[in-house]
Amino acid sequence: DAKTLDKLGDGVNVSTEYEQIYQKLS
């Protein structure tokens, strides 16, 4: 995440990182 420099998603479930990246890209 450009604002926080943390992984995208909820920080707990890896799936949310992939889902957010896909949604933003698509």
PDB file of all heavy atoms in Angstrom:
ATOM      1  N   ASP A   1       0.850  -1.178   0.000  1.00  0.00           N
ATOM      2  CA  ASP A   1       0.000   0.000   0.000  1.00  0.00           C
ATOM      3  C   ASP A   1       0.895   1.241   0.000  1.00  0.00           C
ATOM      4  O   ASP A   1       1.789   1.370   0.833  1.00  0.00           O
ATOM      5  CB  ASP A   1      -0.894  -0.008   1.239  1.00  0.00           C
ATOM      6  CG  ASP A   1      -1.856   1.168   1.268  1.00  0.00           C
ATOM      7  OD1 ASP A   1      -1.402   2.287   1.572  1.00  0.00           O
ATOM      8  OD2 ASP A   1      -3.042   0.955   1.003  1.00  0.00           O
ATOM      9  N   ALA A   2       0.668   2.144  -0.927  1.00  0.00           N
ATOM     10  CA  ALA A   2       1.550   3.307  -1.079  1.00  0.00           C
ATOM     11  C   ALA A   2       1.520   4.234   0.129  1.00  0.00           C
ATOM     12  O   ALA A   2       2.505   4.910   0.420  1.00  0.00           O
ATOM     13  CB  ALA A   2       1.169   4.087  -2.339  1.00  0.00           C
ATOM     14  N   LYS A   3       0.414   4.265   0.863  1.00  0.00           N
ATOM     15  CA  LYS A   3       0.301   5.172   2.008  1.00  0.00           C
ATOM     16  C   LYS A   3       0.968   4.611   3.261  1.00  0.00           C
ATOM     17  O   LYS A   3       1.589   5.347   4.024  1.00  0.00           O
ATOM     18  CB  LYS A   3      -1.169   5.466   2.297  1.00  0.00           C
ATOM     19  CG  LYS A   3      -1.866   6.261   1.194  1.00  0.00           C
ATOM     20  CD  LYS A   3      -3.318   6.536   1.560  1.00  0.00           C
ATOM     21  CE  LYS A   3      -4.011   7.337   0.463  1.00  0.00           C
ATOM     22  NZ  LYS A   3      -5.445   7.580   0.787  1.00  0.00           N
ATOM     23  N   THR A   4       0.829   3.305   3.470  1.00  0.00           N
ATOM     24  CA  THR A   4       1.307   2.708   4.721  1.00  0.00           C
ATOM     25  C   THR A   4       2.586   1.891   4.563  1.00  0.00           C
ATOM     26  O   THR A   4       3.247   1.581   5.557  1.00  0.00           O
ATOM     27  CB  THR A   4       0.232   1.785   5.305  1.00  0.00           C
ATOM     28  OG1 THR A   4       0.022   0.673   4.406  1.00  0.00           O
ATOM     29  CG2 THR A   4      -1.082   2.533   5.492  1.00  0.00           C
ATOM     30  N   LEU A   5       2.925   1.524   3.333  1.00  0.00           N
ATOM     31  CA  LEU A   5       4.031   0.604   3.038  1.00  0.00           C
ATOM     32  C   LEU A   5       3.829  -0.742   3.724  1.00  0.00           C
ATOM     33  O   LEU A   5       4.790  -1.452   4.043  1.00  0.00           O
ATOM     34  CB  LEU A   5       5.381   1.204   3.430  1.00  0.00           C
ATOM     35  CG  LEU A   5       5.828   2.449   2.653  1.00  0.00           C
ATOM     36  CD1 LEU A   5       7.256   2.813   3.020  1.00  0.00           C
ATOM     37  CD2 LEU A   5       5.711   2.234   1.140  1.00  0.00           C
ATOM     38  N   ASP A   6       2.566  -1.113   3.940  1.00  0.00           N
ATOM     39  CA  ASP A   6       2.216  -2.438   4.439  1.00  0.00           C
ATOM     40  C   ASP A   6       1.626  -3.257   3.295  1.00  0.00           C
ATOM     41  O   ASP A   6       1.234  -2.715   2.252  1.00  0.00           O
ATOM     42  CB  ASP A   6       1.169  -2.337   5.557  1.00  0.00           C
ATOM     43  CG  ASP A   6       1.747  -1.770   6.841  1.00  0.00           C
ATOM     44  OD1 ASP A   6       2.947  -2.004   7.099  1.00  0.00           O
ATOM     45  OD2 ASP A   6       1.006  -1.080   7.571  1.00  0.00           O
ATOM     46  N   LYS A   7       1.530  -4.564   3.515  1.00  0.00           N
ATOM     47  CA  LYS A   7       0.853  -5.411   2.537  1.00  0.00           C
ATOM     48  C   LYS A   7      -0.595  -4.980   2.403  1.00  0.00           C
ATOM     49  O   LYS A   7      -1.206  -4.492   3.369  1.00  0.00           O
ATOM     50  CB  LYS A   7       0.901  -6.875   2.978  1.00  0.00           C
ATOM     51  CG  LYS A   7       2.264  -7.527   2.859  1.00  0.00           C
ATOM     52  CD  LYS A   7       2.168  -9.000   3.221  1.00  0.00           C
ATOM     53  CE  LYS A   7       3.504  -9.699   3.042  1.00  0.00           C
ATOM     54  NZ  LYS A   7       3.418 -11.141   3.377  1.00  0.00           N
ATOM     55  N   LEU A   8      -1.142  -5.166   1.233  1.00  0.00           N
ATOM     56  CA  LEU A   8      -2.551  -4.879   1.052  1.00  0.00           C
ATOM     57  C   LEU A   8      -3.375  -5.983   1.709  1.00  0.00           C
ATOM     58  O   LEU A   8      -2.873  -7.052   1.993  1.00  0.00           O
ATOM     59  CB  LEU A   8      -2.895  -4.747  -0.431  1.00  0.00           C
ATOM     60  CG  LEU A   8      -2.452  -3.419  -1.058  1.00  0.00           C
ATOM     61  CD1 LEU A   8      -1.047  -3.523  -1.602  1.00  0.00           C
ATOM     62  CD2 LEU A   8      -3.402  -2.998  -2.161  1.00  0.00           C
ATOM     63  N   GLY A   9      -4.642  -5.724   1.925  1.00  0.00           N
ATOM     64  CA  GLY A   9      -5.488  -6.712   2.563  1.00  0.00           C
ATOM     65  C   GLY A   9      -5.656  -6.417   4.037  1.00  0.00           C
ATOM     66  O   GLY A   9      -5.315  -5.336   4.523  1.00  0.00           O
ATOM     67  N   ASP A  10      -6.165  -7.417   4.778  1.00  0.00           N
ATOM     68  CA  ASP A  10      -6.449  -7.200   6.187  1.00  0.00           C
ATOM     69  C   ASP A  10      -5.268  -7.501   7.097  1.00  0.00           C
ATOM     70  O   ASP A  10      -5.362  -7.353   8.318  1.00  0.00           O
ATOM     71  CB  ASP A  10      -7.674  -8.009   6.625  1.00  0.00           C
ATOM     72  CG  ASP A  10      -7.476  -9.520   6.453  1.00  0.00           C
ATOM     73  OD1 ASP A  10      -6.320  -9.965   6.278  1.00  0.00           O
ATOM     74  OD2 ASP A  10      -8.479 -10.251   6.500  1.00  0.00           O
ATOM     75  N   GLY A  11      -4.154  -7.937   6.503  1.00  0.00           N
ATOM     76  CA  GLY A  11      -2.965  -8.225   7.299  1.00  0.00           C
ATOM     77  C   GLY A  11      -3.004  -9.559   7.999  1.00  0.00           C
ATOM     78  O   GLY A  11      -2.039  -9.945   8.661  1.00  0.00           O
ATOM     79  N   VAL A  12      -4.111 -10.278   7.862  1.00  0.00           N
ATOM     80  CA  VAL A  12      -4.260 -11.581   8.521  1.00  0.00           C
ATOM     81  C   VAL A  12      -4.377 -12.704   7.489  1.00  0.00           C
ATOM     82  O   VAL A  12      -3.639 -13.688   7.522  1.00  0.00           O
ATOM     83  CB  VAL A  12      -5.498 -11.584   9.449  1.00  0.00           C
ATOM     84  CG1 VAL A  12      -5.675 -12.963  10.087  1.00  0.00           C
ATOM     85  CG2 VAL A  12      -5.358 -10.509  10.523  1.00  0.00           C
ATOM     86  N   ASN A  13      -5.318 -12.540   6.581  1.00  0.00           N
ATOM     87  CA  ASN A  13      -5.554 -13.548   5.545  1.00  0.00           C
ATOM     88  C   ASN A  13      -4.826 -13.161   4.257  1.00  0.00           C
ATOM     89  O   ASN A  13      -5.070 -12.088   3.711  1.00  0.00           O
ATOM     90  CB  ASN A  13      -7.057 -13.681   5.260  1.00  0.00           C
ATOM     91  CG  ASN A  13      -7.838 -14.080   6.500  1.00  0.00           C
ATOM     92  OD1 ASN A  13      -7.537 -15.092   7.121  1.00  0.00           O
ATOM     93  ND2 ASN A  13      -8.832 -13.278   6.859  1.00  0.00           N
ATOM     94  N   VAL A  14      -3.938 -14.052   3.818  1.00  0.00           N
ATOM     95  CA  VAL A  14      -3.170 -13.773   2.600  1.00  0.00           C
ATOM     96  C   VAL A  14      -4.095 -13.553   1.415  1.00  0.00           C
ATOM     97  O   VAL A  14      -3.801 -12.769   0.512  1.00  0.00           O
ATOM     98  CB  VAL A  14      -2.191 -14.931   2.310  1.00  0.00           C
ATOM     99  CG1 VAL A  14      -1.389 -14.656   1.042  1.00  0.00           C
ATOM    100  CG2 VAL A  14      -1.251 -15.145   3.485  1.00  0.00           C
ATOM    101  N   SER A  15      -5.229 -14.240   1.420  1.00  0.00           N
ATOM    102  CA  SER A  15      -6.152 -14.143   0.284  1.00  0.00           C
ATOM    103  C   SER A  15      -6.601 -12.712   0.032  1.00  0.00           C
ATOM    104  O   SER A  15      -6.794 -12.304  -1.114  1.00  0.00           O
ATOM    105  CB  SER A  15      -7.376 -15.031   0.526  1.00  0.00           C
ATOM    106  OG  SER A  15      -8.079 -14.610   1.687  1.00  0.00           O
ATOM    107  N   THR A  16      -6.742 -11.908   1.110  1.00  0.00           N
ATOM    108  CA  THR A  16      -7.226 -10.535   0.926  1.00  0.00           C
ATOM    109  C   THR A  16      -6.206  -9.670   0.205  1.00  0.00           C
ATOM    110  O   THR A  16      -6.580  -8.717  -0.489  1.00  0.00           O
ATOM    111  CB  THR A  16      -7.596  -9.887   2.271  1.00  0.00           C
ATOM    112  OG1 THR A  16      -6.433  -9.826   3.118  1.00  0.00           O
ATOM    113  CG2 THR A  16      -8.684 -10.685   2.980  1.00  0.00           C
ATOM    114  N   GLU A  17      -4.925  -9.997   0.358  1.00  0.00           N
ATOM    115  CA  GLU A  17      -3.885  -9.252  -0.368  1.00  0.00           C
ATOM    116  C   GLU A  17      -4.047  -9.476  -1.864  1.00  0.00           C
ATOM    117  O   GLU A  17      -4.071  -8.526  -2.657  1.00  0.00           O
ATOM    118  CB  GLU A  17      -2.497  -9.705   0.085  1.00  0.00           C
ATOM    119  CG  GLU A  17      -1.361  -9.056  -0.706  1.00  0.00           C
ATOM    120  CD  GLU A  17       0.004  -9.678  -0.430  1.00  0.00           C
ATOM    121  OE1 GLU A  17       0.066 -10.708   0.262  1.00  0.00           O
ATOM    122  OE2 GLU A  17       1.000  -9.127  -0.927  1.00  0.00           O
ATOM    123  N   TYR A  18      -4.147 -10.754  -2.281  1.00  0.00           N
ATOM    124  CA  TYR A  18      -4.308 -11.086  -3.693  1.00  0.00           C
ATOM    125  C   TYR A  18      -5.595 -10.479  -4.246  1.00  0.00           C
ATOM    126  O   TYR A  18      -5.616  -9.949  -5.361  1.00  0.00           O
ATOM    127  CB  TYR A  18      -4.337 -12.603  -3.878  1.00  0.00           C
ATOM    128  CG  TYR A  18      -2.994 -13.284  -3.785  1.00  0.00           C
ATOM    129  CD1 TYR A  18      -2.278 -13.323  -2.591  1.00  0.00           C
ATOM    130  CD2 TYR A  18      -2.436 -13.928  -4.894  1.00  0.00           C
ATOM    131  CE1 TYR A  18      -1.055 -13.958  -2.499  1.00  0.00           C
ATOM    132  CE2 TYR A  18      -1.208 -14.575  -4.814  1.00  0.00           C
ATOM    133  CZ  TYR A  18      -0.525 -14.580  -3.611  1.00  0.00           C
ATOM    134  OH  TYR A  18       0.697 -15.213  -3.528  1.00  0.00           O
ATOM    135  N   GLU A  19      -6.672 -10.561  -3.463  1.00  0.00           N
ATOM    136  CA  GLU A  19      -7.961 -10.044  -3.932  1.00  0.00           C
ATOM    137  C   GLU A  19      -7.916  -8.537  -4.152  1.00  0.00           C
ATOM    138  O   GLU A  19      -8.416  -8.042  -5.170  1.00  0.00           O
ATOM    139  CB  GLU A  19      -9.047 -10.395  -2.910  1.00  0.00           C
ATOM    140  CG  GLU A  19      -9.402 -11.878  -2.901  1.00  0.00           C
ATOM    141  CD  GLU A  19     -10.196 -12.276  -1.668  1.00  0.00           C
ATOM    142  OE1 GLU A  19     -10.464 -11.387  -0.817  1.00  0.00           O
ATOM    143  OE2 GLU A  19     -10.528 -13.463  -1.545  1.00  0.00           O
ATOM    144  N   GLN A  20      -7.300  -7.797  -3.233  1.00  0.00           N
ATOM    145  CA  GLN A  20      -7.230  -6.340  -3.391  1.00  0.00           C
ATOM    146  C   GLN A  20      -6.355  -5.941  -4.566  1.00  0.00           C
ATOM    147  O   GLN A  20      -6.684  -5.020  -5.315  1.00  0.00           O
ATOM    148  CB  GLN A  20      -6.732  -5.693  -2.097  1.00  0.00           C
ATOM    149  CG  GLN A  20      -7.782  -5.600  -1.026  1.00  0.00           C
ATOM    150  CD  GLN A  20      -7.437  -4.560   0.035  1.00  0.00           C
ATOM    151  OE1 GLN A  20      -6.619  -3.660  -0.190  1.00  0.00           O
ATOM    152  NE2 GLN A  20      -8.066  -4.670   1.182  1.00  0.00           N
ATOM    153  N   ILE A  21      -5.233  -6.629  -4.727  1.00  0.00           N
ATOM    154  CA  ILE A  21      -4.355  -6.319  -5.857  1.00  0.00           C
ATOM    155  C   ILE A  21      -5.079  -6.591  -7.171  1.00  0.00           C
ATOM    156  O   ILE A  21      -5.032  -5.785  -8.108  1.00  0.00           O
ATOM    157  CB  ILE A  21      -3.049  -7.130  -5.768  1.00  0.00           C
ATOM    158  CG1 ILE A  21      -2.197  -6.614  -4.598  1.00  0.00           C
ATOM    159  CG2 ILE A  21      -2.255  -7.052  -7.079  1.00  0.00           C
ATOM    160  CD1 ILE A  21      -0.992  -7.468  -4.283  1.00  0.00           C
ATOM    161  N   TYR A  22      -5.786  -7.731  -7.236  1.00  0.00           N
ATOM    162  CA  TYR A  22      -6.522  -8.053  -8.459  1.00  0.00           C
ATOM    163  C   TYR A  22      -7.604  -7.013  -8.740  1.00  0.00           C
ATOM    164  O   TYR A  22      -7.764  -6.556  -9.884  1.00  0.00           O
ATOM    165  CB  TYR A  22      -7.152  -9.441  -8.368  1.00  0.00           C
ATOM    166  CG  TYR A  22      -8.103  -9.719  -9.511  1.00  0.00           C
ATOM    167  CD1 TYR A  22      -7.636  -9.804 -10.829  1.00  0.00           C
ATOM    168  CD2 TYR A  22      -9.475  -9.837  -9.282  1.00  0.00           C
ATOM    169  CE1 TYR A  22      -8.520 -10.021 -11.884  1.00  0.00           C
ATOM    170  CE2 TYR A  22     -10.349 -10.053 -10.323  1.00  0.00           C
ATOM    171  CZ  TYR A  22      -9.869 -10.132 -11.619  1.00  0.00           C
ATOM    172  OH  TYR A  22     -10.744 -10.336 -12.669  1.00  0.00           O
ATOM    173  N   GLN A  23      -8.358  -6.628  -7.719  1.00  0.00           N
ATOM    174  CA  GLN A  23      -9.441  -5.672  -7.912  1.00  0.00           C
ATOM    175  C   GLN A  23      -8.904  -4.333  -8.423  1.00  0.00           C
ATOM    176  O   GLN A  23      -9.454  -3.731  -9.341  1.00  0.00           O
ATOM    177  CB  GLN A  23     -10.214  -5.467  -6.601  1.00  0.00           C
ATOM    178  CG  GLN A  23     -11.035  -6.660  -6.160  1.00  0.00           C
ATOM    179  CD  GLN A  23     -12.108  -7.050  -7.167  1.00  0.00           C
ATOM    180  OE1 GLN A  23     -12.669  -6.188  -7.853  1.00  0.00           O
ATOM    181  NE2 GLN A  23     -12.388  -8.334  -7.266  1.00  0.00           N
ATOM    182  N   LYS A  24      -7.814  -3.866  -7.836  1.00  0.00           N
ATOM    183  CA  LYS A  24      -7.224  -2.596  -8.252  1.00  0.00           C
ATOM    184  C   LYS A  24      -6.721  -2.680  -9.696  1.00  0.00           C
ATOM    185  O   LYS A  24      -6.939  -1.766 -10.506  1.00  0.00           O
ATOM    186  CB  LYS A  24      -6.075  -2.210  -7.310  1.00  0.00           C
ATOM    187  CG  LYS A  24      -6.510  -1.732  -5.935  1.00  0.00           C
ATOM    188  CD  LYS A  24      -5.325  -1.473  -5.040  1.00  0.00           C
ATOM    189  CE  LYS A  24      -5.726  -0.915  -3.693  1.00  0.00           C
ATOM    190  NZ  LYS A  24      -6.205   0.477  -3.772  1.00  0.00           N
ATOM    191  N   LEU A  25      -6.023  -3.763 -10.026  1.00  0.00           N
ATOM    192  CA  LEU A  25      -5.485  -3.925 -11.374  1.00  0.00           C
ATOM    193  C   LEU A  25      -6.585  -4.078 -12.411  1.00  0.00           C
ATOM    194  O   LEU A  25      -6.538  -3.476 -13.490  1.00  0.00           O
ATOM    195  CB  LEU A  25      -4.548  -5.133 -11.429  1.00  0.00           C
ATOM    196  CG  LEU A  25      -3.175  -4.980 -10.797  1.00  0.00           C
ATOM    197  CD1 LEU A  25      -2.452  -6.332 -10.753  1.00  0.00           C
ATOM    198  CD2 LEU A  25      -2.329  -3.984 -11.579  1.00  0.00           C
ATOM    199  N   SER A  26      -7.583  -4.897 -12.100  1.00  0.00           N
ATOM    200  CA  SER A  26      -8.631  -5.170 -13.084  1.00  0.00           C
ATOM    201  C   SER A  26      -9.458  -3.931 -13.392  1.00  0.00           C
ATOM    202  O   SER A  26      -9.889  -3.725 -14.537  1.00  0.00           O
ATOM    203  CB  SER A  26      -9.550  -6.306 -12.575  1.00  0.00           C
ATOM    204  OG  SER A  26     -10.186  -5.939 -11.376  1.00  0.00           O
TER     205      SER A  26
END
